Each structure stands twice: as structure tokens, then as C-alpha cells.
Protein backbone atom coordinates (compact mmCIF):
# COMPACT_ATOMS: atom_id res chain seq x y z
CA UNK A 1 107.96 -30.91 14.59
CA UNK A 2 111.32 -29.60 15.11
CA UNK A 3 109.99 -26.55 17.35
CA UNK A 4 107.44 -28.88 19.19
CA UNK A 5 110.17 -31.06 20.26
CA UNK A 6 112.67 -28.34 21.15
CA UNK A 7 110.05 -26.69 23.23
CA UNK A 8 109.39 -29.88 25.00
CA UNK A 9 113.02 -30.48 25.67
CA UNK A 10 113.67 -26.84 26.81
CA UNK A 11 110.48 -27.15 29.26
CA UNK A 12 111.78 -30.35 30.74
CA UNK A 13 115.06 -28.87 31.04
CA UNK A 14 113.71 -25.68 33.04
CA UNK A 15 112.10 -28.11 35.51
CA UNK A 16 114.71 -31.06 35.78
CA UNK A 17 117.74 -29.60 36.75
CA UNK A 18 116.58 -27.46 39.72
CA UNK A 19 115.04 -30.25 41.22
CA UNK A 20 118.40 -32.45 41.63
CA UNK A 21 119.62 -30.34 44.55
CA UNK A 22 116.25 -30.55 46.35
CA UNK A 23 117.52 -33.28 48.78
CA UNK A 24 121.13 -32.74 48.75
CA UNK A 25 120.69 -29.17 50.47
CA UNK A 26 118.37 -30.52 53.05
CA UNK A 27 120.01 -33.61 54.39
CA UNK A 28 121.94 -32.05 57.38
CA UNK A 29 118.61 -30.54 58.42
CA UNK A 30 116.57 -33.72 57.69
CA UNK A 31 119.05 -35.84 59.79
CA UNK A 32 118.63 -33.50 62.88
CA UNK A 33 114.80 -33.11 62.82
CA UNK A 34 113.91 -36.76 61.42
CA UNK A 35 112.11 -38.73 63.98
CA UNK A 36 111.56 -35.78 66.22
CA UNK A 37 109.59 -33.50 64.12
CA UNK A 38 108.57 -35.52 61.10
CA UNK A 39 108.78 -38.76 59.48
CA UNK A 40 110.24 -39.33 55.84
CA UNK A 41 106.78 -39.76 54.48
CA UNK A 42 105.75 -36.17 55.91
CA UNK A 43 109.17 -34.86 54.77
CA UNK A 44 109.03 -36.28 51.36
CA UNK A 45 105.44 -35.52 50.74
CA UNK A 46 105.74 -31.90 51.77
CA UNK A 47 108.83 -31.21 49.88
CA UNK A 48 107.72 -32.67 46.47
CA UNK A 49 104.11 -31.48 46.50
CA UNK A 50 104.81 -28.01 47.93
CA UNK A 51 106.37 -27.00 44.68
CA UNK A 52 104.05 -28.64 42.37
CA UNK A 53 101.78 -25.69 41.67
CA UNK A 54 104.96 -23.91 40.43
CA UNK A 55 106.07 -27.10 38.27
CA UNK A 56 102.56 -26.83 36.82
CA UNK A 57 101.84 -23.19 36.13
CA UNK A 58 105.59 -22.23 35.04
CA UNK A 59 105.67 -24.34 32.09
CA UNK A 60 101.90 -23.17 31.07
CA UNK A 61 103.05 -19.65 31.28
CA UNK A 62 106.14 -20.06 29.39
CA UNK A 63 104.39 -22.47 26.54
CA UNK A 64 101.10 -20.45 26.00
CA UNK A 65 102.46 -17.29 24.28
CA UNK A 66 104.81 -19.76 22.20
CA UNK A 67 102.02 -21.96 21.14
CA UNK A 68 99.88 -19.21 19.46
CA UNK A 69 103.19 -17.64 18.20
CA UNK A 70 104.45 -20.32 15.94
CA UNK A 71 101.09 -21.05 14.39
CA UNK A 72 100.08 -24.36 15.75
CA UNK A 73 96.30 -25.46 15.53
CA UNK A 74 94.30 -22.24 16.72
CA UNK A 75 91.48 -24.00 18.65
CA UNK A 76 91.13 -24.38 22.50
CA UNK A 77 90.86 -28.13 22.69
CA UNK A 78 94.12 -28.64 20.82
CA UNK A 79 95.98 -26.11 22.86
CA UNK A 80 94.54 -27.56 26.07
CA UNK A 81 95.82 -30.98 24.98
CA UNK A 82 98.89 -29.92 23.87
CA UNK A 83 99.62 -27.79 27.18
CA UNK A 84 98.40 -30.75 29.32
CA UNK A 85 101.35 -32.79 27.68
CA UNK A 86 103.76 -30.30 28.23
CA UNK A 87 102.81 -30.25 31.96
CA UNK A 88 102.96 -33.78 32.16
CA UNK A 89 106.35 -34.17 30.55
CA UNK A 90 107.60 -31.76 32.81
CA UNK A 91 106.27 -33.43 35.87
CA UNK A 92 107.94 -36.54 34.44
CA UNK A 93 111.36 -34.51 34.26
CA UNK A 94 110.84 -33.06 37.70
CA UNK A 95 110.28 -36.57 39.11
CA UNK A 96 113.28 -37.92 37.41
CA UNK A 97 115.40 -34.90 38.81
CA UNK A 98 113.95 -35.89 42.36
CA UNK A 99 114.99 -39.39 41.63
CA UNK A 100 118.80 -38.55 40.98
CA UNK A 101 118.71 -35.95 43.76
CA UNK A 102 117.84 -38.79 46.30
CA UNK A 103 120.48 -41.17 44.68
CA UNK A 104 123.55 -38.75 45.20
CA UNK A 105 124.84 -36.58 48.10
CA UNK A 106 126.64 -34.22 45.91
CA UNK A 107 124.75 -31.63 43.80
CA UNK A 108 127.73 -31.59 41.12
CA UNK A 109 127.66 -35.51 40.77
CA UNK A 110 123.95 -35.25 40.34
CA UNK A 111 124.15 -32.78 37.63
CA UNK A 112 126.96 -34.86 35.75
CA UNK A 113 124.96 -38.03 35.82
CA UNK A 114 121.95 -36.32 34.73
CA UNK A 115 123.72 -35.11 31.80
CA UNK A 116 124.56 -38.74 30.84
CA UNK A 117 121.24 -40.12 31.26
CA UNK A 118 119.23 -37.52 29.68
CA UNK A 119 120.95 -37.49 26.11
CA UNK A 120 119.88 -41.07 25.53
CA UNK A 121 116.49 -40.26 26.52
CA UNK A 122 116.41 -37.24 24.16
CA UNK A 123 117.82 -39.35 21.42
CA UNK A 124 115.05 -42.15 22.11
CA UNK A 125 112.50 -39.51 21.71
CA UNK A 126 111.69 -40.14 18.40
CA UNK A 127 112.58 -36.86 16.40
CA UNK A 128 116.69 -36.82 16.19
CA UNK A 129 116.38 -40.43 15.00
CA UNK A 130 113.65 -42.25 13.63
CA UNK A 131 112.65 -45.28 15.23
CA UNK A 132 113.40 -47.50 12.29
CA UNK A 133 116.77 -46.07 12.33
CA UNK A 134 117.95 -47.23 15.78
CA UNK A 135 120.01 -50.10 16.14
CA UNK A 136 118.11 -53.16 17.46
CA UNK A 137 120.46 -53.23 20.54
CA UNK A 138 119.49 -49.64 21.38
CA UNK A 139 115.89 -50.01 20.72
CA UNK A 140 114.81 -50.15 24.37
CA UNK A 141 115.71 -46.47 24.55
CA UNK A 142 112.42 -45.58 22.63
CA UNK A 143 110.27 -47.39 25.23
CA UNK A 144 112.03 -45.74 28.43
CA UNK A 145 112.04 -42.11 27.17
CA UNK A 146 109.15 -40.05 28.51
CA UNK A 147 110.22 -37.28 25.53
CA UNK A 148 108.91 -40.19 23.24
CA UNK A 149 105.22 -40.09 24.66
CA UNK A 150 105.21 -36.33 24.75
CA UNK A 151 106.20 -35.77 21.46
CA UNK A 152 104.06 -38.43 20.13
CA UNK A 153 101.18 -36.80 21.54
CA UNK A 154 102.06 -33.21 20.60
CA UNK A 155 102.51 -34.47 17.09
CA UNK A 156 99.42 -36.32 17.20
CA UNK A 157 97.37 -33.00 18.38
CA UNK A 158 99.05 -30.95 15.43
CA UNK A 159 99.09 -33.27 12.53
CA UNK A 160 96.12 -36.07 12.90
CA UNK A 161 93.84 -35.54 9.99
CA UNK A 162 95.19 -32.40 8.89
CA UNK A 163 95.17 -31.15 5.32
CA UNK A 164 98.62 -30.05 4.19
CA UNK A 165 98.16 -27.27 1.23
CA UNK A 166 100.81 -27.31 -1.36
CA UNK A 167 101.34 -25.15 -4.38
CA UNK A 168 103.76 -28.01 -6.09
CA UNK A 169 104.26 -31.72 -5.31
CA UNK A 170 104.60 -32.50 -1.66
CA UNK A 171 106.55 -35.42 -0.25
CA UNK A 172 104.11 -35.77 2.71
CA UNK A 173 100.44 -35.40 0.92
CA UNK A 174 98.75 -34.84 4.68
CA UNK A 175 99.33 -34.85 8.23
CA UNK A 176 98.64 -38.56 8.64
CA UNK A 177 101.63 -39.18 6.46
CA UNK A 178 103.81 -36.91 8.76
CA UNK A 179 102.87 -39.27 11.67
CA UNK A 180 103.56 -42.20 9.48
CA UNK A 181 106.97 -40.61 8.78
CA UNK A 182 108.10 -40.06 12.37
CA UNK A 183 106.49 -43.74 13.18
CA UNK A 184 103.89 -42.27 15.28
CA UNK A 185 100.45 -44.41 15.75
CA UNK A 186 97.60 -41.82 16.00
CA UNK A 187 95.69 -44.35 17.81
CA UNK A 188 98.21 -44.22 20.90
CA UNK A 189 97.12 -40.71 22.19
CA UNK A 190 95.40 -42.13 25.37
CA UNK A 191 97.99 -44.79 25.79
CA UNK A 192 100.82 -41.90 25.72
CA UNK A 193 98.81 -39.71 28.21
CA UNK A 194 98.89 -42.93 30.62
CA UNK A 195 102.61 -43.77 30.14
CA UNK A 196 103.68 -39.96 31.25
CA UNK A 197 101.57 -40.35 33.99
CA UNK A 198 103.12 -43.77 35.20
CA UNK A 199 106.75 -42.39 34.75
CA UNK A 200 105.98 -39.43 37.04
CA UNK A 201 104.30 -41.90 39.52
CA UNK A 202 107.12 -44.53 39.24
CA UNK A 203 109.81 -41.70 39.45
CA UNK A 204 108.17 -40.16 42.57
CA UNK A 205 107.67 -43.59 44.34
CA UNK A 206 111.11 -45.01 43.64
CA UNK A 207 112.45 -41.84 45.23
CA UNK A 208 110.17 -41.95 48.36
CA UNK A 209 112.02 -45.56 48.93
CA UNK A 210 115.44 -44.55 48.17
CA UNK A 211 115.19 -41.77 51.03
CA UNK A 212 113.68 -44.39 53.21
CA UNK A 213 116.38 -46.79 52.81
CA UNK A 214 119.08 -43.84 53.05
CA UNK A 215 117.28 -42.53 56.29
CA UNK A 216 117.42 -46.08 57.88
CA UNK A 217 121.09 -46.54 57.03
CA UNK A 218 121.82 -42.86 59.30
CA UNK A 219 120.86 -44.78 62.19
CA UNK A 220 122.77 -47.75 61.66
């Protein structure tokens, strides 16, 4: 469980922080060429989707050897679902990086703000602190953390209906007990996928409107 969560965090960080600088470095060029060569939508669409193939293939290349090295379920279906979950989590992280990149004018400020935001999201992911242990006034972190939905699916893929072979007495008797220990509902698999896709689309859509707003202010 721990290794899956830390793999997820590592993969997300690899795609998150480079995207924060995506718009900061282009603003001078964009201001000069906007309304002459391309619109905000054309710039944003090409900027975001131009690198999407690398945002998908890079996590896959890094995750594939690790998956089989650490002894997770050794079947194609489990690997495909797990890899898809990691890719979706990385796309969420990338989209969040774009969002913060559109909000700030300095890369240093963006990195600082992102460090402040990402830690609560990690805490709400369901590994460091069990959901039942989170104070009621912080319970909202659970629902806004895309790490929670990705981690939940990776745990379901690995532990659902899995038999644990113990020579001695085990605290957790089977894979479903492991899911219950982490308060993960094994029936939420599809819901978690939809939430990851929704987070990514929400971040990217919000980023576009922020850029649109900032562009309008440039010409006032």
C-alpha cells in the first residue's frame, strides 16, 4: 500500500512542477502575437495538448518496470487498469500545474504556492491519515484530493477479493479487510475514474478562462 502511494506521488510530482512554468515563460511572446497570429483558445489548445503524448507515455515508461519489480498482481488486466489510474492522476497533476501557472506571473511564486497546496492534498489522499482520523473541519480535504481517488483505485485493483496467505495469525485476513482498514469502498472503482477525469477537465477549463481574463486585461 505504501509503495503504491509513493509511486503515485512521485509520478504526479514529475509532471506537476514542470507545467507551472508553461505560461510564465510565454507571456511576453503571447502578448506580442495575440490577436495577430492566434487567439487565446488556439494558443491554449496547442500549448496544453502539444505535450499530452509525453504526459501519457512518460508515466507509463517509468511505471511499467516498477509495477512488475515490486510484485503487484501479475496479470495484464490489473496492470492496464493500474497504469491507466497512474496516467489519469498524472494528467490531474499536470492540469493543476497549468492552473497555477496561469494564476501567477512568477515561476518562484507558483512553486511556492504549489508546495503549500499539494501537501494538504497528499494528506487527504487516504494513506498518511485514515479518513476516520481526520478532524471534521478538515474532512473536505478528502473530497478535493485527486490523490484519494487514484490511490483508492490502485488499492482496489491490488487488494479486491485477494487472499492473504499467512503462516501465523494475521491482523487482516484478506484483501477486502485491507480495503476496509483504509476505508476504501471497493464498489467505487468506476466513480474514482470519473472523478479523476472530472478533476483534469475542471482544472484545464478553469485555466483557459483565467488566461482569457488575463488577456482581456492586457488590452485595457
